[in-house]
């Protein structure tokens, strides 16, 4: 295994090598989106930066909900930076 693969979960490495969707739904990187092998890491690697609309479709939640989560995350980051 190369050094690059050591930073990724084993299921990610297996999905990329075999082309088979991940079935480990307990993995924190798992998403229900077969086009990206059910892996958010594959999704990021293959698509790069995504719009909130693209993210909402992958997560199967509304665009408004993704926007709410983004705003909350940015608020948390902002508070930590000010510390």
PDB file of N, CA and C in Angstrom:
ATOM      1  N   UNK A   1       0.849  -1.183   0.000  1.00  0.00           N
ATOM      2  CA  UNK A   1       0.000   0.000   0.000  1.00  0.00           C
ATOM      3  C   UNK A   1       0.891   1.242   0.000  1.00  0.00           C
ATOM      4  N   UNK A   2       0.562   2.227  -0.814  1.00  0.00           N
ATOM      5  CA  UNK A   2       1.364   3.442  -0.868  1.00  0.00           C
ATOM      6  C   UNK A   2       1.088   4.325   0.334  1.00  0.00           C
ATOM      7  N   UNK A   3       1.998   5.275   0.576  1.00  0.00           N
ATOM      8  CA  UNK A   3       1.825   6.193   1.706  1.00  0.00           C
ATOM      9  C   UNK A   3       0.548   7.006   1.563  1.00  0.00           C
ATOM     10  N   UNK A   4       0.181   7.354   0.325  1.00  0.00           N
ATOM     11  CA  UNK A   4      -1.018   8.151   0.079  1.00  0.00           C
ATOM     12  C   UNK A   4      -2.272   7.441   0.584  1.00  0.00           C
ATOM     13  N   UNK A   5      -2.354   6.131   0.390  1.00  0.00           N
ATOM     14  CA  UNK A   5      -3.525   5.370   0.792  1.00  0.00           C
ATOM     15  C   UNK A   5      -3.653   5.213   2.293  1.00  0.00           C
ATOM     16  N   UNK A   6      -2.563   5.401   3.044  1.00  0.00           N
ATOM     17  CA  UNK A   6      -2.591   5.224   4.487  1.00  0.00           C
ATOM     18  C   UNK A   6      -3.473   6.248   5.182  1.00  0.00           C
ATOM     19  N   UNK A   7      -3.712   7.385   4.568  1.00  0.00           N
ATOM     20  CA  UNK A   7      -4.531   8.410   5.193  1.00  0.00           C
ATOM     21  C   UNK A   7      -6.024   8.226   4.902  1.00  0.00           C
ATOM     22  N   UNK A   8      -6.361   7.294   4.050  1.00  0.00           N
ATOM     23  CA  UNK A   8      -7.750   7.036   3.694  1.00  0.00           C
ATOM     24  C   UNK A   8      -8.261   5.772   4.376  1.00  0.00           C
ATOM     25  N   UNK A   9      -9.573   5.720   4.669  1.00  0.00           N
ATOM     26  CA  UNK A   9     -10.142   4.487   5.223  1.00  0.00           C
ATOM     27  C   UNK A   9      -9.984   3.334   4.232  1.00  0.00           C
ATOM     28  N   UNK A  10      -9.852   2.128   4.752  1.00  0.00           N
ATOM     29  CA  UNK A  10      -9.663   0.949   3.912  1.00  0.00           C
ATOM     30  C   UNK A  10     -10.810   0.777   2.916  1.00  0.00           C
ATOM     31  N   UNK A  11     -12.040   1.079   3.342  1.00  0.00           N
ATOM     32  CA  UNK A  11     -13.174   0.910   2.442  1.00  0.00           C
ATOM     33  C   UNK A  11     -13.052   1.822   1.211  1.00  0.00           C
ATOM     34  N   UNK A  12     -12.498   3.023   1.400  1.00  0.00           N
ATOM     35  CA  UNK A  12     -12.278   3.944   0.279  1.00  0.00           C
ATOM     36  C   UNK A  12     -11.288   3.334  -0.710  1.00  0.00           C
ATOM     37  N   UNK A  13     -10.196   2.806  -0.177  1.00  0.00           N
ATOM     38  CA  UNK A  13      -9.161   2.204  -1.017  1.00  0.00           C
ATOM     39  C   UNK A  13      -9.756   1.040  -1.812  1.00  0.00           C
ATOM     40  N   UNK A  14     -10.558   0.204  -1.146  1.00  0.00           N
ATOM     41  CA  UNK A  14     -11.179  -0.939  -1.814  1.00  0.00           C
ATOM     42  C   UNK A  14     -12.154  -0.499  -2.901  1.00  0.00           C
ATOM     43  N   UNK A  15     -12.963   0.514  -2.619  1.00  0.00           N
ATOM     44  CA  UNK A  15     -13.923   1.011  -3.616  1.00  0.00           C
ATOM     45  C   UNK A  15     -13.202   1.516  -4.860  1.00  0.00           C
ATOM     46  N   UNK A  16     -12.158   2.279  -4.654  1.00  0.00           N
ATOM     47  CA  UNK A  16     -11.406   2.822  -5.787  1.00  0.00           C
ATOM     48  C   UNK A  16     -10.738   1.713  -6.586  1.00  0.00           C
ATOM     49  N   UNK A  17     -10.238   0.694  -5.901  1.00  0.00           N
ATOM     50  CA  UNK A  17      -9.525  -0.388  -6.583  1.00  0.00           C
ATOM     51  C   UNK A  17     -10.470  -1.318  -7.347  1.00  0.00           C
ATOM     52  N   UNK A  18     -11.633  -1.590  -6.767  1.00  0.00           N
ATOM     53  CA  UNK A  18     -12.546  -2.566  -7.370  1.00  0.00           C
ATOM     54  C   UNK A  18     -13.661  -1.944  -8.197  1.00  0.00           C
ATOM     55  N   UNK A  19     -13.960  -0.665  -7.953  1.00  0.00           N
ATOM     56  CA  UNK A  19     -15.070  -0.028  -8.654  1.00  0.00           C
ATOM     57  C   UNK A  19     -16.428  -0.451  -8.126  1.00  0.00           C
ATOM     58  N   UNK A  20     -16.442  -1.009  -6.910  1.00  0.00           N
ATOM     59  CA  UNK A  20     -17.676  -1.479  -6.292  1.00  0.00           C
ATOM     60  C   UNK A  20     -18.089  -0.497  -5.198  1.00  0.00           C
ATOM     61  N   UNK A  21     -19.386  -0.197  -5.116  1.00  0.00           N
ATOM     62  CA  UNK A  21     -19.900   0.729  -4.110  1.00  0.00           C
ATOM     63  C   UNK A  21     -19.644   0.216  -2.700  1.00  0.00           C
ATOM     64  N   UNK A  22     -19.356   1.127  -1.813  1.00  0.00           N
ATOM     65  CA  UNK A  22     -19.126   0.803  -0.404  1.00  0.00           C
ATOM     66  C   UNK A  22     -20.439   0.373   0.240  1.00  0.00           C
ATOM     67  N   UNK A  23     -20.363  -0.637   1.070  1.00  0.00           N
ATOM     68  CA  UNK A  23     -21.548  -1.115   1.784  1.00  0.00           C
ATOM     69  C   UNK A  23     -21.451  -0.841   3.282  1.00  0.00           C
ATOM     70  N   UNK A  24     -20.385  -0.154   3.705  1.00  0.00           N
ATOM     71  CA  UNK A  24     -20.160   0.100   5.131  1.00  0.00           C
ATOM     72  C   UNK A  24     -20.883   1.377   5.559  1.00  0.00           C
ATOM     73  N   UNK A  25     -22.180   1.265   5.742  1.00  0.00           N
ATOM     74  CA  UNK A  25     -22.993   2.441   6.055  1.00  0.00           C
ATOM     75  C   UNK A  25     -22.683   3.016   7.427  1.00  0.00           C
ATOM     76  N   UNK A  26     -21.891   2.334   8.251  1.00  0.00           N
ATOM     77  CA  UNK A  26     -21.515   2.883   9.548  1.00  0.00           C
ATOM     78  C   UNK A  26     -20.258   3.757   9.458  1.00  0.00           C
ATOM     79  N   UNK A  27     -19.643   3.825   8.290  1.00  0.00           N
ATOM     80  CA  UNK A  27     -18.463   4.665   8.068  1.00  0.00           C
ATOM     81  C   UNK A  27     -18.899   6.130   8.048  1.00  0.00           C
ATOM     82  N   UNK A  28     -18.131   7.007   8.685  1.00  0.00           N
ATOM     83  CA  UNK A  28     -18.523   8.423   8.720  1.00  0.00           C
ATOM     84  C   UNK A  28     -18.410   9.103   7.361  1.00  0.00           C
ATOM     85  N   UNK A  29     -17.761   8.463   6.404  1.00  0.00           N
ATOM     86  CA  UNK A  29     -17.629   9.009   5.055  1.00  0.00           C
ATOM     87  C   UNK A  29     -18.706   8.486   4.106  1.00  0.00           C
ATOM     88  N   UNK A  30     -19.562   7.565   4.584  1.00  0.00           N
ATOM     89  CA  UNK A  30     -20.564   6.925   3.733  1.00  0.00           C
ATOM     90  C   UNK A  30     -21.715   7.876   3.423  1.00  0.00           C
ATOM     91  N   UNK A  31     -22.106   7.925   2.147  1.00  0.00           N
ATOM     92  CA  UNK A  31     -23.306   8.646   1.723  1.00  0.00           C
ATOM     93  C   UNK A  31     -24.083   7.719   0.793  1.00  0.00           C
ATOM     94  N   UNK A  32     -25.364   7.894   0.750  1.00  0.00           N
ATOM     95  CA  UNK A  32     -26.201   7.051  -0.103  1.00  0.00           C
ATOM     96  C   UNK A  32     -26.245   7.662  -1.505  1.00  0.00           C
ATOM     97  N   UNK A  33     -25.156   7.491  -2.244  1.00  0.00           N
ATOM     98  CA  UNK A  33     -25.044   8.056  -3.595  1.00  0.00           C
ATOM     99  C   UNK A  33     -24.134   7.137  -4.414  1.00  0.00           C
ATOM    100  N   UNK A  34     -24.752   6.172  -5.082  1.00  0.00           N
ATOM    101  CA  UNK A  34     -24.015   5.116  -5.772  1.00  0.00           C
ATOM    102  C   UNK A  34     -23.082   5.643  -6.868  1.00  0.00           C
ATOM    103  N   UNK A  35     -23.439   6.756  -7.480  1.00  0.00           N
ATOM    104  CA  UNK A  35     -22.596   7.308  -8.542  1.00  0.00           C
ATOM    105  C   UNK A  35     -21.179   7.594  -8.029  1.00  0.00           C
ATOM    106  N   UNK A  36     -21.067   7.934  -6.755  1.00  0.00           N
ATOM    107  CA  UNK A  36     -19.766   8.202  -6.132  1.00  0.00           C
ATOM    108  C   UNK A  36     -19.364   7.069  -5.189  1.00  0.00           C
ATOM    109  N   UNK A  37     -19.797   5.861  -5.506  1.00  0.00           N
ATOM    110  CA  UNK A  37     -19.474   4.647  -4.740  1.00  0.00           C
ATOM    111  C   UNK A  37     -19.898   4.730  -3.272  1.00  0.00           C
ATOM    112  N   UNK A  38     -20.890   5.539  -2.958  1.00  0.00           N
ATOM    113  CA  UNK A  38     -21.392   5.737  -1.591  1.00  0.00           C
ATOM    114  C   UNK A  38     -20.331   6.311  -0.657  1.00  0.00           C
ATOM    115  N   UNK A  39     -19.389   7.040  -1.188  1.00  0.00           N
ATOM    116  CA  UNK A  39     -18.277   7.559  -0.390  1.00  0.00           C
ATOM    117  C   UNK A  39     -18.107   9.059  -0.632  1.00  0.00           C
ATOM    118  N   UNK A  40     -18.157   9.828   0.434  1.00  0.00           N
ATOM    119  CA  UNK A  40     -17.993  11.274   0.287  1.00  0.00           C
ATOM    120  C   UNK A  40     -16.580  11.626  -0.169  1.00  0.00           C
ATOM    121  N   UNK A  41     -15.592  10.812   0.181  1.00  0.00           N
ATOM    122  CA  UNK A  41     -14.226  11.071  -0.269  1.00  0.00           C
ATOM    123  C   UNK A  41     -14.103  10.925  -1.782  1.00  0.00           C
ATOM    124  N   UNK A  42     -14.760   9.926  -2.335  1.00  0.00           N
ATOM    125  CA  UNK A  42     -14.765   9.746  -3.796  1.00  0.00           C
ATOM    126  C   UNK A  42     -15.471  10.936  -4.433  1.00  0.00           C
ATOM    127  N   UNK A  43     -16.570  11.346  -3.838  1.00  0.00           N
ATOM    128  CA  UNK A  43     -17.340  12.470  -4.354  1.00  0.00           C
ATOM    129  C   UNK A  43     -16.478  13.735  -4.428  1.00  0.00           C
ATOM    130  N   UNK A  44     -15.742  13.999  -3.374  1.00  0.00           N
ATOM    131  CA  UNK A  44     -14.875  15.180  -3.333  1.00  0.00           C
ATOM    132  C   UNK A  44     -13.746  15.057  -4.345  1.00  0.00           C
ATOM    133  N   UNK A  45     -13.135  13.878  -4.395  1.00  0.00           N
ATOM    134  CA  UNK A  45     -12.003  13.663  -5.297  1.00  0.00           C
ATOM    135  C   UNK A  45     -12.411  13.802  -6.764  1.00  0.00           C
ATOM    136  N   UNK A  46     -13.556  13.241  -7.113  1.00  0.00           N
ATOM    137  CA  UNK A  46     -13.962  13.237  -8.515  1.00  0.00           C
ATOM    138  C   UNK A  46     -14.649  14.518  -8.961  1.00  0.00           C
ATOM    139  N   UNK A  47     -15.266  15.246  -8.038  1.00  0.00           N
ATOM    140  CA  UNK A  47     -16.040  16.426  -8.422  1.00  0.00           C
ATOM    141  C   UNK A  47     -15.424  17.749  -8.005  1.00  0.00           C
ATOM    142  N   UNK A  48     -14.485  17.708  -7.080  1.00  0.00           N
ATOM    143  CA  UNK A  48     -13.895  18.952  -6.591  1.00  0.00           C
ATOM    144  C   UNK A  48     -14.944  19.778  -5.870  1.00  0.00           C
ATOM    145  N   UNK A  49     -14.769  21.100  -5.860  1.00  0.00           N
ATOM    146  CA  UNK A  49     -15.761  21.946  -5.194  1.00  0.00           C
ATOM    147  C   UNK A  49     -17.146  21.761  -5.806  1.00  0.00           C
ATOM    148  N   UNK A  50     -18.149  21.676  -4.941  1.00  0.00           N
ATOM    149  CA  UNK A  50     -19.517  21.463  -5.413  1.00  0.00           C
ATOM    150  C   UNK A  50     -20.419  22.588  -4.931  1.00  0.00           C
ATOM    151  N   UNK A  51     -21.498  22.780  -5.654  1.00  0.00           N
ATOM    152  CA  UNK A  51     -22.491  23.762  -5.237  1.00  0.00           C
ATOM    153  C   UNK A  51     -23.335  23.167  -4.112  1.00  0.00           C
ATOM    154  N   UNK A  52     -24.027  24.032  -3.395  1.00  0.00           N
ATOM    155  CA  UNK A  52     -24.915  23.556  -2.342  1.00  0.00           C
ATOM    156  C   UNK A  52     -26.006  22.666  -2.932  1.00  0.00           C
ATOM    157  N   UNK A  53     -26.431  22.958  -4.144  1.00  0.00           N
ATOM    158  CA  UNK A  53     -27.442  22.133  -4.804  1.00  0.00           C
ATOM    159  C   UNK A  53     -26.914  20.721  -5.062  1.00  0.00           C
ATOM    160  N   UNK A  54     -25.685  20.607  -5.532  1.00  0.00           N
ATOM    161  CA  UNK A  54     -25.090  19.288  -5.763  1.00  0.00           C
ATOM    162  C   UNK A  54     -24.968  18.512  -4.450  1.00  0.00           C
ATOM    163  N   UNK A  55     -24.579  19.183  -3.395  1.00  0.00           N
ATOM    164  CA  UNK A  55     -24.455  18.542  -2.089  1.00  0.00           C
ATOM    165  C   UNK A  55     -25.815  18.079  -1.587  1.00  0.00           C
ATOM    166  N   UNK A  56     -26.829  18.919  -1.755  1.00  0.00           N
ATOM    167  CA  UNK A  56     -28.168  18.545  -1.269  1.00  0.00           C
ATOM    168  C   UNK A  56     -28.685  17.300  -1.979  1.00  0.00           C
ATOM    169  N   UNK A  57     -28.383  17.167  -3.262  1.00  0.00           N
ATOM    170  CA  UNK A  57     -28.813  15.981  -4.005  1.00  0.00           C
ATOM    171  C   UNK A  57     -28.089  14.730  -3.520  1.00  0.00           C
ATOM    172  N   UNK A  58     -26.817  14.864  -3.220  1.00  0.00           N
ATOM    173  CA  UNK A  58     -26.063  13.712  -2.725  1.00  0.00           C
ATOM    174  C   UNK A  58     -26.535  13.283  -1.339  1.00  0.00           C
ATOM    175  N   UNK A  59     -26.839  14.234  -0.494  1.00  0.00           N
ATOM    176  CA  UNK A  59     -27.259  13.919   0.871  1.00  0.00           C
ATOM    177  C   UNK A  59     -28.755  13.677   0.994  1.00  0.00           C
ATOM    178  N   UNK A  60     -29.478  13.948  -0.083  1.00  0.00           N
ATOM    179  CA  UNK A  60     -30.940  13.785  -0.116  1.00  0.00           C
ATOM    180  C   UNK A  60     -31.629  14.619   0.967  1.00  0.00           C
ATOM    181  N   UNK A  61     -31.190  15.862   1.055  1.00  0.00           N
ATOM    182  CA  UNK A  61     -31.845  16.850   1.917  1.00  0.00           C
ATOM    183  C   UNK A  61     -32.079  18.094   1.078  1.00  0.00           C
ATOM    184  N   UNK A  62     -32.907  18.986   1.573  1.00  0.00           N
ATOM    185  CA  UNK A  62     -33.238  20.174   0.792  1.00  0.00           C
ATOM    186  C   UNK A  62     -32.054  21.135   0.690  1.00  0.00           C
ATOM    187  N   UNK A  63     -32.093  21.932  -0.340  1.00  0.00           N
ATOM    188  CA  UNK A  63     -31.082  22.965  -0.532  1.00  0.00           C
ATOM    189  C   UNK A  63     -31.083  23.932   0.645  1.00  0.00           C
ATOM    190  N   UNK A  64     -32.250  24.247   1.146  1.00  0.00           N
ATOM    191  CA  UNK A  64     -32.370  25.155   2.297  1.00  0.00           C
ATOM    192  C   UNK A  64     -31.660  24.568   3.511  1.00  0.00           C
ATOM    193  N   UNK A  65     -31.838  23.247   3.751  1.00  0.00           N
ATOM    194  CA  UNK A  65     -31.203  22.604   4.907  1.00  0.00           C
ATOM    195  C   UNK A  65     -29.683  22.616   4.773  1.00  0.00           C
ATOM    196  N   UNK A  66     -29.180  22.373   3.581  1.00  0.00           N
ATOM    197  CA  UNK A  66     -27.729  22.419   3.368  1.00  0.00           C
ATOM    198  C   UNK A  66     -27.210  23.827   3.626  1.00  0.00           C
ATOM    199  N   UNK A  67     -27.950  24.812   3.196  1.00  0.00           N
ATOM    200  CA  UNK A  67     -27.573  26.201   3.433  1.00  0.00           C
ATOM    201  C   UNK A  67     -27.554  26.518   4.934  1.00  0.00           C
ATOM    202  N   UNK A  68     -28.542  26.013   5.668  1.00  0.00           N
ATOM    203  CA  UNK A  68     -28.577  26.216   7.122  1.00  0.00           C
ATOM    204  C   UNK A  68     -27.352  25.596   7.790  1.00  0.00           C
ATOM    205  N   UNK A  69     -26.998  24.394   7.372  1.00  0.00           N
ATOM    206  CA  UNK A  69     -25.833  23.707   7.939  1.00  0.00           C
ATOM    207  C   UNK A  69     -24.559  24.480   7.619  1.00  0.00           C
ATOM    208  N   UNK A  70     -24.457  24.975   6.390  1.00  0.00           N
ATOM    209  CA  UNK A  70     -23.288  25.757   5.999  1.00  0.00           C
ATOM    210  C   UNK A  70     -23.156  27.002   6.873  1.00  0.00           C
ATOM    211  N   UNK A  71     -24.252  27.722   7.061  1.00  0.00           N
ATOM    212  CA  UNK A  71     -24.212  28.945   7.872  1.00  0.00           C
ATOM    213  C   UNK A  71     -23.809  28.654   9.315  1.00  0.00           C
ATOM    214  N   UNK A  72     -24.335  27.566   9.861  1.00  0.00           N
ATOM    215  CA  UNK A  72     -23.989  27.197  11.239  1.00  0.00           C
ATOM    216  C   UNK A  72     -22.509  26.841  11.346  1.00  0.00           C
ATOM    217  N   UNK A  73     -21.998  26.104  10.361  1.00  0.00           N
ATOM    218  CA  UNK A  73     -20.584  25.728  10.361  1.00  0.00           C
ATOM    219  C   UNK A  73     -19.693  26.961  10.253  1.00  0.00           C
ATOM    220  N   UNK A  74     -20.065  27.889   9.384  1.00  0.00           N
ATOM    221  CA  UNK A  74     -19.274  29.118   9.241  1.00  0.00           C
ATOM    222  C   UNK A  74     -19.290  29.957  10.511  1.00  0.00           C
ATOM    223  N   UNK A  75     -20.422  29.970  11.201  1.00  0.00           N
ATOM    224  CA  UNK A  75     -20.512  30.689  12.480  1.00  0.00           C
ATOM    225  C   UNK A  75     -19.574  30.065  13.506  1.00  0.00           C
ATOM    226  N   UNK A  76     -19.564  28.737  13.583  1.00  0.00           N
ATOM    227  CA  UNK A  76     -18.674  28.037  14.520  1.00  0.00           C
ATOM    228  C   UNK A  76     -17.208  28.323  14.201  1.00  0.00           C
ATOM    229  N   UNK A  77     -16.868  28.281  12.925  1.00  0.00           N
ATOM    230  CA  UNK A  77     -15.484  28.555  12.517  1.00  0.00           C
ATOM    231  C   UNK A  77     -15.103  29.981  12.889  1.00  0.00           C
ATOM    232  N   UNK A  78     -15.998  30.910  12.624  1.00  0.00           N
ATOM    233  CA  UNK A  78     -15.751  32.314  12.930  1.00  0.00           C
ATOM    234  C   UNK A  78     -15.504  32.517  14.429  1.00  0.00           C
ATOM    235  N   UNK A  79     -16.295  31.860  15.267  1.00  0.00           N
ATOM    236  CA  UNK A  79     -16.136  31.974  16.720  1.00  0.00           C
ATOM    237  C   UNK A  79     -14.782  31.422  17.166  1.00  0.00           C
ATOM    238  N   UNK A  80     -14.357  30.311  16.576  1.00  0.00           N
ATOM    239  CA  UNK A  80     -13.071  29.720  16.950  1.00  0.00           C
ATOM    240  C   UNK A  80     -11.897  30.592  16.529  1.00  0.00           C
ATOM    241  N   UNK A  81     -12.030  31.237  15.377  1.00  0.00           N
ATOM    242  CA  UNK A  81     -10.963  32.100  14.891  1.00  0.00           C
ATOM    243  C   UNK A  81     -10.787  33.300  15.829  1.00  0.00           C
ATOM    244  N   UNK A  82     -11.890  33.790  16.366  1.00  0.00           N
ATOM    245  CA  UNK A  82     -11.849  34.962  17.247  1.00  0.00           C
ATOM    246  C   UNK A  82     -11.290  34.655  18.622  1.00  0.00           C
ATOM    247  N   UNK A  83     -11.191  33.377  18.988  1.00  0.00           N
ATOM    248  CA  UNK A  83     -10.705  33.002  20.318  1.00  0.00           C
ATOM    249  C   UNK A  83      -9.263  33.354  20.509  1.00  0.00           C
TER     250      UNK A  83
END
